[in-house]
C-alpha atoms as a PDB file:
ATOM      1  CA  UNK A   1      -1.653  55.370   5.728  1.00  0.00           C
ATOM      2  CA  UNK A   2       1.271  53.820   3.929  1.00  0.00           C
ATOM      3  CA  UNK A   3       2.948  57.131   3.211  1.00  0.00           C
ATOM      4  CA  UNK A   4       3.439  58.561   6.677  1.00  0.00           C
ATOM      5  CA  UNK A   5       3.595  57.756  10.351  1.00  0.00           C
ATOM      6  CA  UNK A   6       2.922  59.704  13.540  1.00  0.00           C
ATOM      7  CA  UNK A   7       6.566  60.830  13.889  1.00  0.00           C
ATOM      8  CA  UNK A   8       6.607  62.196  10.331  1.00  0.00           C
ATOM      9  CA  UNK A   9       3.423  64.192  10.834  1.00  0.00           C
ATOM     10  CA  UNK A  10       4.682  65.588  14.142  1.00  0.00           C
ATOM     11  CA  UNK A  11       7.988  66.591  12.507  1.00  0.00           C
ATOM     12  CA  UNK A  12       6.239  68.374   9.646  1.00  0.00           C
ATOM     13  CA  UNK A  13       3.716  70.192  11.836  1.00  0.00           C
ATOM     14  CA  UNK A  14       6.443  71.330  14.213  1.00  0.00           C
ATOM     15  CA  UNK A  15       7.712  73.798  11.590  1.00  0.00           C
ATOM     16  CA  UNK A  16       4.686  74.476   9.373  1.00  0.00           C
ATOM     17  CA  UNK A  17       0.905  74.168   9.403  1.00  0.00           C
ATOM     18  CA  UNK A  18       0.647  74.337   5.613  1.00  0.00           C
ATOM     19  CA  UNK A  19       0.138  71.284   3.439  1.00  0.00           C
ATOM     20  CA  UNK A  20       3.378  69.340   2.972  1.00  0.00           C
ATOM     21  CA  UNK A  21       4.487  67.767  -0.319  1.00  0.00           C
ATOM     22  CA  UNK A  22       5.459  64.171  -1.002  1.00  0.00           C
ATOM     23  CA  UNK A  23       7.827  63.263  -3.842  1.00  0.00           C
ATOM     24  CA  UNK A  24       7.185  59.530  -3.647  1.00  0.00           C
ATOM     25  CA  UNK A  25       9.925  59.018  -1.065  1.00  0.00           C
ATOM     26  CA  UNK A  26      10.089  61.948   1.350  1.00  0.00           C
ATOM     27  CA  UNK A  27       7.636  64.402   2.890  1.00  0.00           C
ATOM     28  CA  UNK A  28       8.762  68.049   2.922  1.00  0.00           C
ATOM     29  CA  UNK A  29       7.293  71.311   4.113  1.00  0.00           C
ATOM     30  CA  UNK A  30       6.931  73.962   1.439  1.00  0.00           C
ATOM     31  CA  UNK A  31       8.179  76.527   3.924  1.00  0.00           C
ATOM     32  CA  UNK A  32       8.873  76.850   7.627  1.00  0.00           C
ATOM     33  CA  UNK A  33       6.362  79.522   8.523  1.00  0.00           C
ATOM     34  CA  UNK A  34       5.830  78.347  12.079  1.00  0.00           C
ATOM     35  CA  UNK A  35       4.064  75.317  13.388  1.00  0.00           C
ATOM     36  CA  UNK A  36       3.358  73.649  16.681  1.00  0.00           C
ATOM     37  CA  UNK A  37       4.827  70.864  18.764  1.00  0.00           C
ATOM     38  CA  UNK A  38       1.287  69.845  19.770  1.00  0.00           C
ATOM     39  CA  UNK A  39       1.141  67.306  16.905  1.00  0.00           C
ATOM     40  CA  UNK A  40       3.300  64.953  18.950  1.00  0.00           C
ATOM     41  CA  UNK A  41       0.386  64.450  21.341  1.00  0.00           C
ATOM     42  CA  UNK A  42      -2.118  63.409  18.649  1.00  0.00           C
ATOM     43  CA  UNK A  43      -2.697  59.804  17.614  1.00  0.00           C
ATOM     44  CA  UNK A  44      -2.871  60.080  13.826  1.00  0.00           C
ATOM     45  CA  UNK A  45      -3.912  56.437  13.471  1.00  0.00           C
ATOM     46  CA  UNK A  46      -1.149  55.652  11.027  1.00  0.00           C
ATOM     47  CA  UNK A  47      -0.588  51.974  10.265  1.00  0.00           C
ATOM     48  CA  UNK A  48       2.977  50.774   9.800  1.00  0.00           C
ATOM     49  CA  UNK A  49       2.068  47.205   8.749  1.00  0.00           C
ATOM     50  CA  UNK A  50      -1.295  47.148   6.913  1.00  0.00           C
ATOM     51  CA  UNK A  51      -1.381  43.367   6.426  1.00  0.00           C
ATOM     52  CA  UNK A  52      -0.755  42.687  10.117  1.00  0.00           C
ATOM     53  CA  UNK A  53      -3.442  45.242  11.022  1.00  0.00           C
ATOM     54  CA  UNK A  54      -5.989  43.431   8.831  1.00  0.00           C
ATOM     55  CA  UNK A  55      -5.090  40.067  10.397  1.00  0.00           C
ATOM     56  CA  UNK A  56      -5.482  41.557  13.879  1.00  0.00           C
ATOM     57  CA  UNK A  57      -8.857  43.091  13.005  1.00  0.00           C
ATOM     58  CA  UNK A  58     -10.175  39.843  11.499  1.00  0.00           C
ATOM     59  CA  UNK A  59      -9.038  37.876  14.556  1.00  0.00           C
ATOM     60  CA  UNK A  60     -10.773  40.377  16.834  1.00  0.00           C
ATOM     61  CA  UNK A  61     -14.010  40.078  14.841  1.00  0.00           C
ATOM     62  CA  UNK A  62     -13.734  36.276  14.561  1.00  0.00           C
ATOM     63  CA  UNK A  63     -13.421  35.920  18.339  1.00  0.00           C
ATOM     64  CA  UNK A  64     -16.042  38.493  19.297  1.00  0.00           C
ATOM     65  CA  UNK A  65     -18.863  36.923  21.336  1.00  0.00           C
ATOM     66  CA  UNK A  66     -21.543  38.610  19.214  1.00  0.00           C
ATOM     67  CA  UNK A  67     -20.275  37.127  15.922  1.00  0.00           C
ATOM     68  CA  UNK A  68     -21.728  33.738  15.098  1.00  0.00           C
ATOM     69  CA  UNK A  69     -19.075  31.010  14.704  1.00  0.00           C
ATOM     70  CA  UNK A  70     -20.539  29.991  11.335  1.00  0.00           C
ATOM     71  CA  UNK A  71     -19.993  33.425   9.741  1.00  0.00           C
ATOM     72  CA  UNK A  72     -16.949  33.522   7.457  1.00  0.00           C
ATOM     73  CA  UNK A  73     -14.821  36.651   7.707  1.00  0.00           C
ATOM     74  CA  UNK A  74     -12.359  37.795   5.052  1.00  0.00           C
ATOM     75  CA  UNK A  75      -9.570  40.355   5.117  1.00  0.00           C
ATOM     76  CA  UNK A  76      -8.716  42.738   2.285  1.00  0.00           C
ATOM     77  CA  UNK A  77      -6.677  45.861   1.646  1.00  0.00           C
ATOM     78  CA  UNK A  78      -7.826  48.543  -0.770  1.00  0.00           C
ATOM     79  CA  UNK A  79      -5.176  49.877  -3.134  1.00  0.00           C
ATOM     80  CA  UNK A  80      -6.039  53.566  -3.548  1.00  0.00           C
ATOM     81  CA  UNK A  81      -3.871  53.870  -6.670  1.00  0.00           C
ATOM     82  CA  UNK A  82      -5.479  51.026  -8.640  1.00  0.00           C
ATOM     83  CA  UNK A  83      -8.862  50.656  -6.953  1.00  0.00           C
ATOM     84  CA  UNK A  84      -8.162  46.949  -6.442  1.00  0.00           C
ATOM     85  CA  UNK A  85      -9.051  44.876  -3.419  1.00  0.00           C
ATOM     86  CA  UNK A  86      -6.120  42.722  -2.333  1.00  0.00           C
ATOM     87  CA  UNK A  87      -6.912  39.729  -0.174  1.00  0.00           C
ATOM     88  CA  UNK A  88      -4.761  39.215   2.898  1.00  0.00           C
ATOM     89  CA  UNK A  89      -4.698  35.408   2.891  1.00  0.00           C
ATOM     90  CA  UNK A  90      -3.597  35.071   6.517  1.00  0.00           C
ATOM     91  CA  UNK A  91      -6.530  37.251   7.587  1.00  0.00           C
ATOM     92  CA  UNK A  92      -9.057  35.300   5.521  1.00  0.00           C
ATOM     93  CA  UNK A  93      -7.713  32.040   6.965  1.00  0.00           C
ATOM     94  CA  UNK A  94      -8.077  33.460  10.480  1.00  0.00           C
ATOM     95  CA  UNK A  95     -11.675  34.371   9.695  1.00  0.00           C
ATOM     96  CA  UNK A  96     -12.867  30.910   8.682  1.00  0.00           C
ATOM     97  CA  UNK A  97     -15.809  29.409  10.503  1.00  0.00           C
ATOM     98  CA  UNK A  98     -15.131  28.024  13.948  1.00  0.00           C
ATOM     99  CA  UNK A  99     -15.784  24.393  14.752  1.00  0.00           C
ATOM    100  CA  UNK A 100     -18.734  24.245  17.103  1.00  0.00           C
ATOM    101  CA  UNK A 101     -18.834  21.358  19.527  1.00  0.00           C
ATOM    102  CA  UNK A 102     -22.051  19.381  19.719  1.00  0.00           C
ATOM    103  CA  UNK A 103     -21.975  18.982  23.499  1.00  0.00           C
END
């Protein structure tokens, strides 16, 4: 969701329900044939900082009580343009195995 956020979608849908265009920098409606302000009430699940989101997800998984402490967890982003997986180092570090006390 690197190309839009909730405010952008709401703005576009306010004036048109047709598919918008993206020129690599800006989203634009093809026409203003009527839309709806209801889009402002929808969570579109856009992610403004993908790396931070991956770190947060890995930390949540790492600390979940149903995940064994000896399971290593890694964090990656998928680049839709190149098909490459890009490791988020901070996330992978957060997902390392936990030290288990021998008490």
